[in-house]
Amino acid sequence: MCYLHIDLLATTPANETNPLECVKNARILYSSCVDDVQIEKDGVQPILSLVDTEFGGWPILQGSSWNGSTYNLSNLLFKLRQYNYNVIFGINTNIDDQNSSSHVIVVSEINS
């Protein structure tokens, strides 16, 4: 059964004329994950670029070029949350215990 899923992502069936956008994106993601040659060629640069451009840098990596005056912890936490990664706190929605037709936002600590 697993082979069926891999085949759907690894190849485009001959009779498929207009695949859904989500299928196209899944195929792009799959091919980028199994392209060992490109992964080795890129090295760690893609993740370093992400840390630098999206997360405001990291002093350990940037040394004296890191600008602490532009660092914003709130922005970092927001960006990490966009990637569905909870660092200090988690945010979720639940059904309200007192009114099942409404939802509440739950902010909670992360337990390690």
PDB file of N, CA and C in Angstrom:
ATOM      1  N   MET A   1       0.823  -1.197   0.000  1.00  0.00           N
ATOM      2  CA  MET A   1       0.000   0.000   0.000  1.00  0.00           C
ATOM      3  C   MET A   1       0.863   1.256   0.000  1.00  0.00           C
ATOM      4  N   CYS A   2       1.950   1.239   0.718  1.00  0.00           N
ATOM      5  CA  CYS A   2       2.848   2.398   0.740  1.00  0.00           C
ATOM      6  C   CYS A   2       3.419   2.667  -0.648  1.00  0.00           C
ATOM      7  N   TYR A   3       3.675   1.622  -1.409  1.00  0.00           N
ATOM      8  CA  TYR A   3       4.231   1.795  -2.749  1.00  0.00           C
ATOM      9  C   TYR A   3       3.274   2.556  -3.651  1.00  0.00           C
ATOM     10  N   LEU A   4       1.982   2.353  -3.456  1.00  0.00           N
ATOM     11  CA  LEU A   4       0.986   3.070  -4.248  1.00  0.00           C
ATOM     12  C   LEU A   4       1.126   4.571  -4.026  1.00  0.00           C
ATOM     13  N   HIS A   5       1.299   4.986  -2.772  1.00  0.00           N
ATOM     14  CA  HIS A   5       1.434   6.412  -2.468  1.00  0.00           C
ATOM     15  C   HIS A   5       2.713   6.982  -3.070  1.00  0.00           C
ATOM     16  N   ILE A   6       3.789   6.252  -2.967  1.00  0.00           N
ATOM     17  CA  ILE A   6       5.050   6.715  -3.535  1.00  0.00           C
ATOM     18  C   ILE A   6       4.928   6.844  -5.047  1.00  0.00           C
ATOM     19  N   ASP A   7       4.288   5.871  -5.685  1.00  0.00           N
ATOM     20  CA  ASP A   7       4.113   5.941  -7.134  1.00  0.00           C
ATOM     21  C   ASP A   7       3.295   7.161  -7.538  1.00  0.00           C
ATOM     22  N   LEU A   8       2.286   7.492  -6.773  1.00  0.00           N
ATOM     23  CA  LEU A   8       1.458   8.661  -7.091  1.00  0.00           C
ATOM     24  C   LEU A   8       2.256   9.955  -6.993  1.00  0.00           C
ATOM     25  N   LEU A   9       3.227   9.997  -6.089  1.00  0.00           N
ATOM     26  CA  LEU A   9       4.018  11.207  -5.913  1.00  0.00           C
ATOM     27  C   LEU A   9       5.234  11.237  -6.825  1.00  0.00           C
ATOM     28  N   ALA A  10       5.789  10.071  -7.121  1.00  0.00           N
ATOM     29  CA  ALA A  10       7.031  10.017  -7.891  1.00  0.00           C
ATOM     30  C   ALA A  10       6.812  10.165  -9.385  1.00  0.00           C
ATOM     31  N   THR A  11       5.665   9.754  -9.864  1.00  0.00           N
ATOM     32  CA  THR A  11       5.413   9.808 -11.304  1.00  0.00           C
ATOM     33  C   THR A  11       4.042  10.395 -11.576  1.00  0.00           C
ATOM     34  N   THR A  12       3.900  10.961 -12.745  1.00  0.00           N
ATOM     35  CA  THR A  12       2.608  11.477 -13.181  1.00  0.00           C
ATOM     36  C   THR A  12       1.988  10.447 -14.120  1.00  0.00           C
ATOM     37  N   PRO A  13       0.797   9.945 -13.778  1.00  0.00           N
ATOM     38  CA  PRO A  13       0.158   8.967 -14.664  1.00  0.00           C
ATOM     39  C   PRO A  13      -0.059   9.534 -16.065  1.00  0.00           C
ATOM     40  N   ALA A  14       0.075   8.686 -17.066  1.00  0.00           N
ATOM     41  CA  ALA A  14      -0.050   9.120 -18.466  1.00  0.00           C
ATOM     42  C   ALA A  14      -1.426   9.698 -18.766  1.00  0.00           C
ATOM     43  N   ASN A  15      -2.456   9.196 -18.108  1.00  0.00           N
ATOM     44  CA  ASN A  15      -3.821   9.658 -18.388  1.00  0.00           C
ATOM     45  C   ASN A  15      -4.232  10.856 -17.538  1.00  0.00           C
ATOM     46  N   GLU A  16      -3.328  11.392 -16.739  1.00  0.00           N
ATOM     47  CA  GLU A  16      -3.655  12.546 -15.899  1.00  0.00           C
ATOM     48  C   GLU A  16      -3.428  13.830 -16.690  1.00  0.00           C
ATOM     49  N   THR A  17      -4.502  14.558 -16.941  1.00  0.00           N
ATOM     50  CA  THR A  17      -4.394  15.755 -17.772  1.00  0.00           C
ATOM     51  C   THR A  17      -4.269  17.040 -16.955  1.00  0.00           C
ATOM     52  N   ASN A  18      -4.974  17.123 -15.854  1.00  0.00           N
ATOM     53  CA  ASN A  18      -4.957  18.354 -15.068  1.00  0.00           C
ATOM     54  C   ASN A  18      -5.008  17.999 -13.577  1.00  0.00           C
ATOM     55  N   PRO A  19      -3.842  17.697 -12.969  1.00  0.00           N
ATOM     56  CA  PRO A  19      -3.861  17.310 -11.551  1.00  0.00           C
ATOM     57  C   PRO A  19      -4.245  18.481 -10.657  1.00  0.00           C
ATOM     58  N   LEU A  20      -4.815  18.157  -9.518  1.00  0.00           N
ATOM     59  CA  LEU A  20      -5.161  19.181  -8.539  1.00  0.00           C
ATOM     60  C   LEU A  20      -3.902  19.889  -8.064  1.00  0.00           C
ATOM     61  N   GLU A  21      -4.051  21.135  -7.657  1.00  0.00           N
ATOM     62  CA  GLU A  21      -2.919  21.919  -7.167  1.00  0.00           C
ATOM     63  C   GLU A  21      -2.246  21.240  -5.978  1.00  0.00           C
ATOM     64  N   CYS A  22      -3.049  20.653  -5.076  1.00  0.00           N
ATOM     65  CA  CYS A  22      -2.468  19.989  -3.907  1.00  0.00           C
ATOM     66  C   CYS A  22      -1.633  18.783  -4.321  1.00  0.00           C
ATOM     67  N   VAL A  23      -2.030  18.082  -5.372  1.00  0.00           N
ATOM     68  CA  VAL A  23      -1.251  16.942  -5.868  1.00  0.00           C
ATOM     69  C   VAL A  23       0.059  17.440  -6.478  1.00  0.00           C
ATOM     70  N   LYS A  24      -0.012  18.520  -7.240  1.00  0.00           N
ATOM     71  CA  LYS A  24       1.213  19.099  -7.809  1.00  0.00           C
ATOM     72  C   LYS A  24       2.186  19.483  -6.692  1.00  0.00           C
ATOM     73  N   ASN A  25       1.666  20.153  -5.666  1.00  0.00           N
ATOM     74  CA  ASN A  25       2.520  20.589  -4.559  1.00  0.00           C
ATOM     75  C   ASN A  25       3.107  19.401  -3.802  1.00  0.00           C
ATOM     76  N   ALA A  26       2.305  18.353  -3.612  1.00  0.00           N
ATOM     77  CA  ALA A  26       2.809  17.150  -2.935  1.00  0.00           C
ATOM     78  C   ALA A  26       3.925  16.514  -3.753  1.00  0.00           C
ATOM     79  N   ARG A  27       3.791  16.497  -5.066  1.00  0.00           N
ATOM     80  CA  ARG A  27       4.839  15.934  -5.923  1.00  0.00           C
ATOM     81  C   ARG A  27       6.117  16.768  -5.861  1.00  0.00           C
ATOM     82  N   ILE A  28       5.981  18.101  -5.839  1.00  0.00           N
ATOM     83  CA  ILE A  28       7.149  18.972  -5.739  1.00  0.00           C
ATOM     84  C   ILE A  28       7.857  18.739  -4.407  1.00  0.00           C
ATOM     85  N   LEU A  29       7.084  18.688  -3.325  1.00  0.00           N
ATOM     86  CA  LEU A  29       7.670  18.457  -2.013  1.00  0.00           C
ATOM     87  C   LEU A  29       8.359  17.099  -1.955  1.00  0.00           C
ATOM     88  N   TYR A  30       7.692  16.068  -2.449  1.00  0.00           N
ATOM     89  CA  TYR A  30       8.271  14.722  -2.443  1.00  0.00           C
ATOM     90  C   TYR A  30       9.576  14.687  -3.235  1.00  0.00           C
ATOM     91  N   SER A  31       9.564  15.267  -4.424  1.00  0.00           N
ATOM     92  CA  SER A  31      10.778  15.219  -5.249  1.00  0.00           C
ATOM     93  C   SER A  31      11.918  15.996  -4.605  1.00  0.00           C
ATOM     94  N   SER A  32      11.599  17.084  -3.891  1.00  0.00           N
ATOM     95  CA  SER A  32      12.662  17.835  -3.227  1.00  0.00           C
ATOM     96  C   SER A  32      13.244  17.060  -2.046  1.00  0.00           C
ATOM     97  N   CYS A  33      12.452  16.181  -1.452  1.00  0.00           N
ATOM     98  CA  CYS A  33      12.933  15.399  -0.305  1.00  0.00           C
ATOM     99  C   CYS A  33      13.767  14.191  -0.725  1.00  0.00           C
ATOM    100  N   VAL A  34      13.566  13.689  -1.925  1.00  0.00           N
ATOM    101  CA  VAL A  34      14.296  12.490  -2.355  1.00  0.00           C
ATOM    102  C   VAL A  34      15.432  12.810  -3.316  1.00  0.00           C
ATOM    103  N   ASP A  35      15.644  14.064  -3.610  1.00  0.00           N
ATOM    104  CA  ASP A  35      16.717  14.470  -4.518  1.00  0.00           C
ATOM    105  C   ASP A  35      18.017  14.608  -3.723  1.00  0.00           C
ATOM    106  N   ASP A  36      18.648  13.463  -3.439  1.00  0.00           N
ATOM    107  CA  ASP A  36      19.858  13.444  -2.617  1.00  0.00           C
ATOM    108  C   ASP A  36      20.978  14.299  -3.201  1.00  0.00           C
ATOM    109  N   VAL A  37      21.105  14.312  -4.506  1.00  0.00           N
ATOM    110  CA  VAL A  37      22.176  15.079  -5.147  1.00  0.00           C
ATOM    111  C   VAL A  37      21.997  16.569  -4.849  1.00  0.00           C
ATOM    112  N   GLN A  38      20.782  17.073  -5.022  1.00  0.00           N
ATOM    113  CA  GLN A  38      20.521  18.496  -4.766  1.00  0.00           C
ATOM    114  C   GLN A  38      20.644  18.820  -3.286  1.00  0.00           C
ATOM    115  N   ILE A  39      20.183  17.919  -2.422  1.00  0.00           N
ATOM    116  CA  ILE A  39      20.289  18.139  -0.972  1.00  0.00           C
ATOM    117  C   ILE A  39      21.752  18.265  -0.571  1.00  0.00           C
ATOM    118  N   GLU A  40      22.592  17.365  -1.078  1.00  0.00           N
ATOM    119  CA  GLU A  40      24.026  17.435  -0.776  1.00  0.00           C
ATOM    120  C   GLU A  40      24.658  18.688  -1.361  1.00  0.00           C
ATOM    121  N   LYS A  41      24.226  19.073  -2.550  1.00  0.00           N
ATOM    122  CA  LYS A  41      24.761  20.272  -3.199  1.00  0.00           C
ATOM    123  C   LYS A  41      24.407  21.532  -2.399  1.00  0.00           C
ATOM    124  N   ASP A  42      23.149  21.615  -1.936  1.00  0.00           N
ATOM    125  CA  ASP A  42      22.691  22.782  -1.179  1.00  0.00           C
ATOM    126  C   ASP A  42      23.315  22.852   0.206  1.00  0.00           C
ATOM    127  N   GLY A  43      23.592  21.691   0.795  1.00  0.00           N
ATOM    128  CA  GLY A  43      24.153  21.664   2.146  1.00  0.00           C
ATOM    129  C   GLY A  43      23.200  22.286   3.152  1.00  0.00           C
ATOM    130  N   VAL A  44      23.747  23.049   4.071  1.00  0.00           N
ATOM    131  CA  VAL A  44      22.942  23.662   5.123  1.00  0.00           C
ATOM    132  C   VAL A  44      22.451  25.058   4.749  1.00  0.00           C
ATOM    133  N   GLN A  45      22.821  25.538   3.568  1.00  0.00           N
ATOM    134  CA  GLN A  45      22.487  26.904   3.188  1.00  0.00           C
ATOM    135  C   GLN A  45      20.982  27.219   3.223  1.00  0.00           C
ATOM    136  N   PRO A  46      20.106  26.338   2.767  1.00  0.00           N
ATOM    137  CA  PRO A  46      18.673  26.686   2.832  1.00  0.00           C
ATOM    138  C   PRO A  46      18.177  26.947   4.254  1.00  0.00           C
ATOM    139  N   ILE A  47      18.614  26.136   5.211  1.00  0.00           N
ATOM    140  CA  ILE A  47      18.150  26.353   6.587  1.00  0.00           C
ATOM    141  C   ILE A  47      18.801  27.596   7.185  1.00  0.00           C
ATOM    142  N   LEU A  48      20.061  27.852   6.862  1.00  0.00           N
ATOM    143  CA  LEU A  48      20.709  29.064   7.356  1.00  0.00           C
ATOM    144  C   LEU A  48      20.038  30.307   6.782  1.00  0.00           C
ATOM    145  N   SER A  49      19.658  30.239   5.533  1.00  0.00           N
ATOM    146  CA  SER A  49      18.956  31.355   4.903  1.00  0.00           C
ATOM    147  C   SER A  49      17.600  31.590   5.569  1.00  0.00           C
ATOM    148  N   LEU A  50      16.901  30.511   5.892  1.00  0.00           N
ATOM    149  CA  LEU A  50      15.610  30.618   6.576  1.00  0.00           C
ATOM    150  C   LEU A  50      15.788  31.268   7.946  1.00  0.00           C
ATOM    151  N   VAL A  51      16.775  30.822   8.701  1.00  0.00           N
ATOM    152  CA  VAL A  51      17.044  31.405  10.022  1.00  0.00           C
ATOM    153  C   VAL A  51      17.341  32.894   9.882  1.00  0.00           C
ATOM    154  N   ASP A  52      18.112  33.248   8.881  1.00  0.00           N
ATOM    155  CA  ASP A  52      18.502  34.638   8.696  1.00  0.00           C
ATOM    156  C   ASP A  52      17.347  35.511   8.227  1.00  0.00           C
ATOM    157  N   THR A  53      16.632  35.075   7.204  1.00  0.00           N
ATOM    158  CA  THR A  53      15.599  35.932   6.606  1.00  0.00           C
ATOM    159  C   THR A  53      14.265  35.884   7.336  1.00  0.00           C
ATOM    160  N   GLU A  54      13.865  34.722   7.813  1.00  0.00           N
ATOM    161  CA  GLU A  54      12.541  34.593   8.434  1.00  0.00           C
ATOM    162  C   GLU A  54      12.559  34.803   9.945  1.00  0.00           C
ATOM    163  N   PHE A  55      13.642  34.361  10.600  1.00  0.00           N
ATOM    164  CA  PHE A  55      13.648  34.344  12.062  1.00  0.00           C
ATOM    165  C   PHE A  55      14.525  35.409  12.692  1.00  0.00           C
ATOM    166  N   GLY A  56      15.076  36.299  11.900  1.00  0.00           N
ATOM    167  CA  GLY A  56      15.840  37.413  12.445  1.00  0.00           C
ATOM    168  C   GLY A  56      17.285  37.097  12.784  1.00  0.00           C
ATOM    169  N   GLY A  57      17.794  35.999  12.270  1.00  0.00           N
ATOM    170  CA  GLY A  57      19.186  35.653  12.487  1.00  0.00           C
ATOM    171  C   GLY A  57      19.430  34.923  13.789  1.00  0.00           C
ATOM    172  N   TRP A  58      20.697  34.576  13.994  1.00  0.00           N
ATOM    173  CA  TRP A  58      21.117  33.865  15.191  1.00  0.00           C
ATOM    174  C   TRP A  58      22.539  34.299  15.504  1.00  0.00           C
ATOM    175  N   PRO A  59      22.765  34.921  16.669  1.00  0.00           N
ATOM    176  CA  PRO A  59      24.073  35.486  16.968  1.00  0.00           C
ATOM    177  C   PRO A  59      25.217  34.471  16.883  1.00  0.00           C
ATOM    178  N   ILE A  60      24.968  33.231  17.234  1.00  0.00           N
ATOM    179  CA  ILE A  60      26.022  32.210  17.188  1.00  0.00           C
ATOM    180  C   ILE A  60      26.519  32.026  15.759  1.00  0.00           C
ATOM    181  N   LEU A  61      25.616  32.119  14.793  1.00  0.00           N
ATOM    182  CA  LEU A  61      25.991  31.930  13.396  1.00  0.00           C
ATOM    183  C   LEU A  61      26.514  33.199  12.744  1.00  0.00           C
ATOM    184  N   GLN A  62      25.964  34.336  13.128  1.00  0.00           N
ATOM    185  CA  GLN A  62      26.307  35.577  12.449  1.00  0.00           C
ATOM    186  C   GLN A  62      27.443  36.344  13.110  1.00  0.00           C
ATOM    187  N   GLY A  63      27.801  35.973  14.320  1.00  0.00           N
ATOM    188  CA  GLY A  63      28.910  36.634  15.001  1.00  0.00           C
ATOM    189  C   GLY A  63      28.724  38.131  15.104  1.00  0.00           C
ATOM    190  N   SER A  64      29.740  38.874  14.756  1.00  0.00           N
ATOM    191  CA  SER A  64      29.702  40.333  14.907  1.00  0.00           C
ATOM    192  C   SER A  64      28.760  41.012  13.915  1.00  0.00           C
ATOM    193  N   SER A  65      28.331  40.304  12.876  1.00  0.00           N
ATOM    194  CA  SER A  65      27.414  40.926  11.917  1.00  0.00           C
ATOM    195  C   SER A  65      25.960  40.882  12.390  1.00  0.00           C
ATOM    196  N   TRP A  66      25.682  40.157  13.476  1.00  0.00           N
ATOM    197  CA  TRP A  66      24.312  40.093  13.990  1.00  0.00           C
ATOM    198  C   TRP A  66      23.935  41.411  14.622  1.00  0.00           C
ATOM    199  N   ASN A  67      22.742  41.902  14.292  1.00  0.00           N
ATOM    200  CA  ASN A  67      22.284  43.184  14.795  1.00  0.00           C
ATOM    201  C   ASN A  67      21.192  42.940  15.828  1.00  0.00           C
ATOM    202  N   GLY A  68      21.559  42.980  17.093  1.00  0.00           N
ATOM    203  CA  GLY A  68      20.609  42.745  18.174  1.00  0.00           C
ATOM    204  C   GLY A  68      19.533  43.804  18.293  1.00  0.00           C
ATOM    205  N   SER A  69      19.784  44.996  17.773  1.00  0.00           N
ATOM    206  CA  SER A  69      18.785  46.070  17.893  1.00  0.00           C
ATOM    207  C   SER A  69      17.578  45.822  17.002  1.00  0.00           C
ATOM    208  N   THR A  70      17.730  44.996  15.978  1.00  0.00           N
ATOM    209  CA  THR A  70      16.594  44.705  15.101  1.00  0.00           C
ATOM    210  C   THR A  70      15.912  43.392  15.459  1.00  0.00           C
ATOM    211  N   TYR A  71      16.452  42.671  16.448  1.00  0.00           N
ATOM    212  CA  TYR A  71      15.879  41.393  16.858  1.00  0.00           C
ATOM    213  C   TYR A  71      14.576  41.631  17.597  1.00  0.00           C
ATOM    214  N   ASN A  72      13.564  40.835  17.295  1.00  0.00           N
ATOM    215  CA  ASN A  72      12.255  40.991  17.899  1.00  0.00           C
ATOM    216  C   ASN A  72      11.743  39.613  18.314  1.00  0.00           C
ATOM    217  N   LEU A  73      11.738  39.327  19.627  1.00  0.00           N
ATOM    218  CA  LEU A  73      11.316  38.019  20.121  1.00  0.00           C
ATOM    219  C   LEU A  73       9.866  37.728  19.755  1.00  0.00           C
ATOM    220  N   SER A  74       9.005  38.706  19.851  1.00  0.00           N
ATOM    221  CA  SER A  74       7.592  38.501  19.502  1.00  0.00           C
ATOM    222  C   SER A  74       7.452  38.071  18.045  1.00  0.00           C
ATOM    223  N   ASN A  75       8.213  38.724  17.181  1.00  0.00           N
ATOM    224  CA  ASN A  75       8.178  38.376  15.759  1.00  0.00           C
ATOM    225  C   ASN A  75       8.684  36.950  15.543  1.00  0.00           C
ATOM    226  N   LEU A  76       9.756  36.575  16.248  1.00  0.00           N
ATOM    227  CA  LEU A  76      10.293  35.220  16.132  1.00  0.00           C
ATOM    228  C   LEU A  76       9.253  34.186  16.553  1.00  0.00           C
ATOM    229  N   LEU A  77       8.607  34.403  17.688  1.00  0.00           N
ATOM    230  CA  LEU A  77       7.592  33.457  18.160  1.00  0.00           C
ATOM    231  C   LEU A  77       6.427  33.369  17.182  1.00  0.00           C
ATOM    232  N   PHE A  78       6.033  34.507  16.621  1.00  0.00           N
ATOM    233  CA  PHE A  78       4.963  34.521  15.625  1.00  0.00           C
ATOM    234  C   PHE A  78       5.369  33.726  14.389  1.00  0.00           C
ATOM    235  N   LYS A  79       6.587  33.953  13.903  1.00  0.00           N
ATOM    236  CA  LYS A  79       7.068  33.230  12.718  1.00  0.00           C
ATOM    237  C   LYS A  79       7.136  31.730  12.983  1.00  0.00           C
ATOM    238  N   LEU A  80       7.659  31.340  14.148  1.00  0.00           N
ATOM    239  CA  LEU A  80       7.721  29.917  14.474  1.00  0.00           C
ATOM    240  C   LEU A  80       6.327  29.311  14.538  1.00  0.00           C
ATOM    241  N   ARG A  81       5.382  30.074  15.039  1.00  0.00           N
ATOM    242  CA  ARG A  81       3.996  29.596  15.109  1.00  0.00           C
ATOM    243  C   ARG A  81       3.433  29.400  13.704  1.00  0.00           C
ATOM    244  N   GLN A  82       3.809  30.264  12.763  1.00  0.00           N
ATOM    245  CA  GLN A  82       3.354  30.103  11.384  1.00  0.00           C
ATOM    246  C   GLN A  82       3.844  28.778  10.804  1.00  0.00           C
ATOM    247  N   TYR A  83       5.005  28.323  11.262  1.00  0.00           N
ATOM    248  CA  TYR A  83       5.534  27.037  10.831  1.00  0.00           C
ATOM    249  C   TYR A  83       5.019  25.904  11.717  1.00  0.00           C
ATOM    250  N   ASN A  84       4.011  26.214  12.540  1.00  0.00           N
ATOM    251  CA  ASN A  84       3.358  25.242  13.415  1.00  0.00           C
ATOM    252  C   ASN A  84       4.328  24.672  14.445  1.00  0.00           C
ATOM    253  N   TYR A  85       5.199  25.532  14.964  1.00  0.00           N
ATOM    254  CA  TYR A  85       6.165  25.100  15.962  1.00  0.00           C
ATOM    255  C   TYR A  85       5.982  25.951  17.208  1.00  0.00           C
ATOM    256  N   ASN A  86       5.624  25.302  18.300  1.00  0.00           N
ATOM    257  CA  ASN A  86       5.420  25.998  19.565  1.00  0.00           C
ATOM    258  C   ASN A  86       6.685  25.911  20.397  1.00  0.00           C
ATOM    259  N   VAL A  87       7.228  27.052  20.814  1.00  0.00           N
ATOM    260  CA  VAL A  87       8.474  27.060  21.563  1.00  0.00           C
ATOM    261  C   VAL A  87       8.210  27.306  23.037  1.00  0.00           C
ATOM    262  N   ILE A  88       7.649  28.436  23.360  1.00  0.00           N
ATOM    263  CA  ILE A  88       7.423  28.816  24.754  1.00  0.00           C
ATOM    264  C   ILE A  88       5.978  28.552  25.163  1.00  0.00           C
ATOM    265  N   PHE A  89       5.066  28.776  24.244  1.00  0.00           N
ATOM    266  CA  PHE A  89       3.653  28.578  24.551  1.00  0.00           C
ATOM    267  C   PHE A  89       2.952  28.012  23.329  1.00  0.00           C
ATOM    268  N   GLY A  90       1.829  27.396  23.573  1.00  0.00           N
ATOM    269  CA  GLY A  90       1.021  26.854  22.493  1.00  0.00           C
ATOM    270  C   GLY A  90      -0.272  27.626  22.373  1.00  0.00           C
ATOM    271  N   ILE A  91      -0.770  27.725  21.179  1.00  0.00           N
ATOM    272  CA  ILE A  91      -2.055  28.383  20.937  1.00  0.00           C
ATOM    273  C   ILE A  91      -2.931  27.388  20.196  1.00  0.00           C
ATOM    274  N   ASN A  92      -4.151  27.246  20.665  1.00  0.00           N
ATOM    275  CA  ASN A  92      -5.068  26.284  20.074  1.00  0.00           C
ATOM    276  C   ASN A  92      -6.486  26.809  20.232  1.00  0.00           C
ATOM    277  N   THR A  93      -7.416  26.174  19.592  1.00  0.00           N
ATOM    278  CA  THR A  93      -8.828  26.477  19.810  1.00  0.00           C
ATOM    279  C   THR A  93      -9.524  25.216  20.299  1.00  0.00           C
ATOM    280  N   ASN A  94     -10.462  25.402  21.186  1.00  0.00           N
ATOM    281  CA  ASN A  94     -11.277  24.304  21.700  1.00  0.00           C
ATOM    282  C   ASN A  94     -12.729  24.739  21.728  1.00  0.00           C
ATOM    283  N   ILE A  95     -13.594  23.769  21.839  1.00  0.00           N
ATOM    284  CA  ILE A  95     -15.012  24.078  22.026  1.00  0.00           C
ATOM    285  C   ILE A  95     -15.190  24.566  23.463  1.00  0.00           C
ATOM    286  N   ASP A  96     -15.923  25.632  23.605  1.00  0.00           N
ATOM    287  CA  ASP A  96     -16.179  26.209  24.921  1.00  0.00           C
ATOM    288  C   ASP A  96     -16.961  25.210  25.774  1.00  0.00           C
ATOM    289  N   ASP A  97     -16.473  24.925  26.992  1.00  0.00           N
ATOM    290  CA  ASP A  97     -17.138  23.973  27.886  1.00  0.00           C
ATOM    291  C   ASP A  97     -18.524  24.448  28.305  1.00  0.00           C
ATOM    292  N   GLN A  98     -18.713  25.752  28.348  1.00  0.00           N
ATOM    293  CA  GLN A  98     -19.988  26.294  28.806  1.00  0.00           C
ATOM    294  C   GLN A  98     -20.961  26.579  27.674  1.00  0.00           C
ATOM    295  N   ASN A  99     -20.463  26.593  26.430  1.00  0.00           N
ATOM    296  CA  ASN A  99     -21.329  26.859  25.291  1.00  0.00           C
ATOM    297  C   ASN A  99     -20.763  26.095  24.094  1.00  0.00           C
ATOM    298  N   SER A 100     -21.307  24.926  23.824  1.00  0.00           N
ATOM    299  CA  SER A 100     -20.742  24.045  22.798  1.00  0.00           C
ATOM    300  C   SER A 100     -20.880  24.597  21.382  1.00  0.00           C
ATOM    301  N   SER A 101     -21.614  25.678  21.191  1.00  0.00           N
ATOM    302  CA  SER A 101     -21.725  26.258  19.855  1.00  0.00           C
ATOM    303  C   SER A 101     -20.665  27.332  19.621  1.00  0.00           C
ATOM    304  N   SER A 102     -19.795  27.532  20.596  1.00  0.00           N
ATOM    305  CA  SER A 102     -18.753  28.540  20.426  1.00  0.00           C
ATOM    306  C   SER A 102     -17.384  27.943  20.743  1.00  0.00           C
ATOM    307  N   HIS A 103     -16.350  28.627  20.290  1.00  0.00           N
ATOM    308  CA  HIS A 103     -14.977  28.182  20.505  1.00  0.00           C
ATOM    309  C   HIS A 103     -14.223  29.178  21.362  1.00  0.00           C
ATOM    310  N   VAL A 104     -13.200  28.696  22.036  1.00  0.00           N
ATOM    311  CA  VAL A 104     -12.333  29.565  22.841  1.00  0.00           C
ATOM    312  C   VAL A 104     -10.903  29.389  22.356  1.00  0.00           C
ATOM    313  N   ILE A 105     -10.117  30.434  22.496  1.00  0.00           N
ATOM    314  CA  ILE A 105      -8.685  30.377  22.195  1.00  0.00           C
ATOM    315  C   ILE A 105      -7.972  29.989  23.478  1.00  0.00           C
ATOM    316  N   VAL A 106      -7.124  28.975  23.388  1.00  0.00           N
ATOM    317  CA  VAL A 106      -6.395  28.484  24.548  1.00  0.00           C
ATOM    318  C   VAL A 106      -4.912  28.767  24.348  1.00  0.00           C
ATOM    319  N   VAL A 107      -4.330  29.509  25.270  1.00  0.00           N
ATOM    320  CA  VAL A 107      -2.894  29.775  25.268  1.00  0.00           C
ATOM    321  C   VAL A 107      -2.341  29.020  26.481  1.00  0.00           C
ATOM    322  N   SER A 108      -1.366  28.134  26.232  1.00  0.00           N
ATOM    323  CA  SER A 108      -0.864  27.309  27.327  1.00  0.00           C
ATOM    324  C   SER A 108       0.647  27.160  27.247  1.00  0.00           C
ATOM    325  N   GLU A 109       1.239  26.794  28.366  1.00  0.00           N
ATOM    326  CA  GLU A 109       2.682  26.560  28.389  1.00  0.00           C
ATOM    327  C   GLU A 109       2.999  25.246  27.696  1.00  0.00           C
ATOM    328  N   ILE A 110       4.207  25.148  27.197  1.00  0.00           N
ATOM    329  CA  ILE A 110       4.668  23.934  26.560  1.00  0.00           C
ATOM    330  C   ILE A 110       5.354  23.091  27.622  1.00  0.00           C
ATOM    331  N   ASN A 111       4.899  21.877  27.767  1.00  0.00           N
ATOM    332  CA  ASN A 111       5.531  20.950  28.710  1.00  0.00           C
ATOM    333  C   ASN A 111       6.499  20.068  27.959  1.00  0.00           C
ATOM    334  N   SER A 112       7.735  20.031  28.426  1.00  0.00           N
ATOM    335  CA  SER A 112       8.706  19.200  27.711  1.00  0.00           C
ATOM    336  C   SER A 112       8.755  17.802  28.257  1.00  0.00           C
TER     337      SER A 112
END
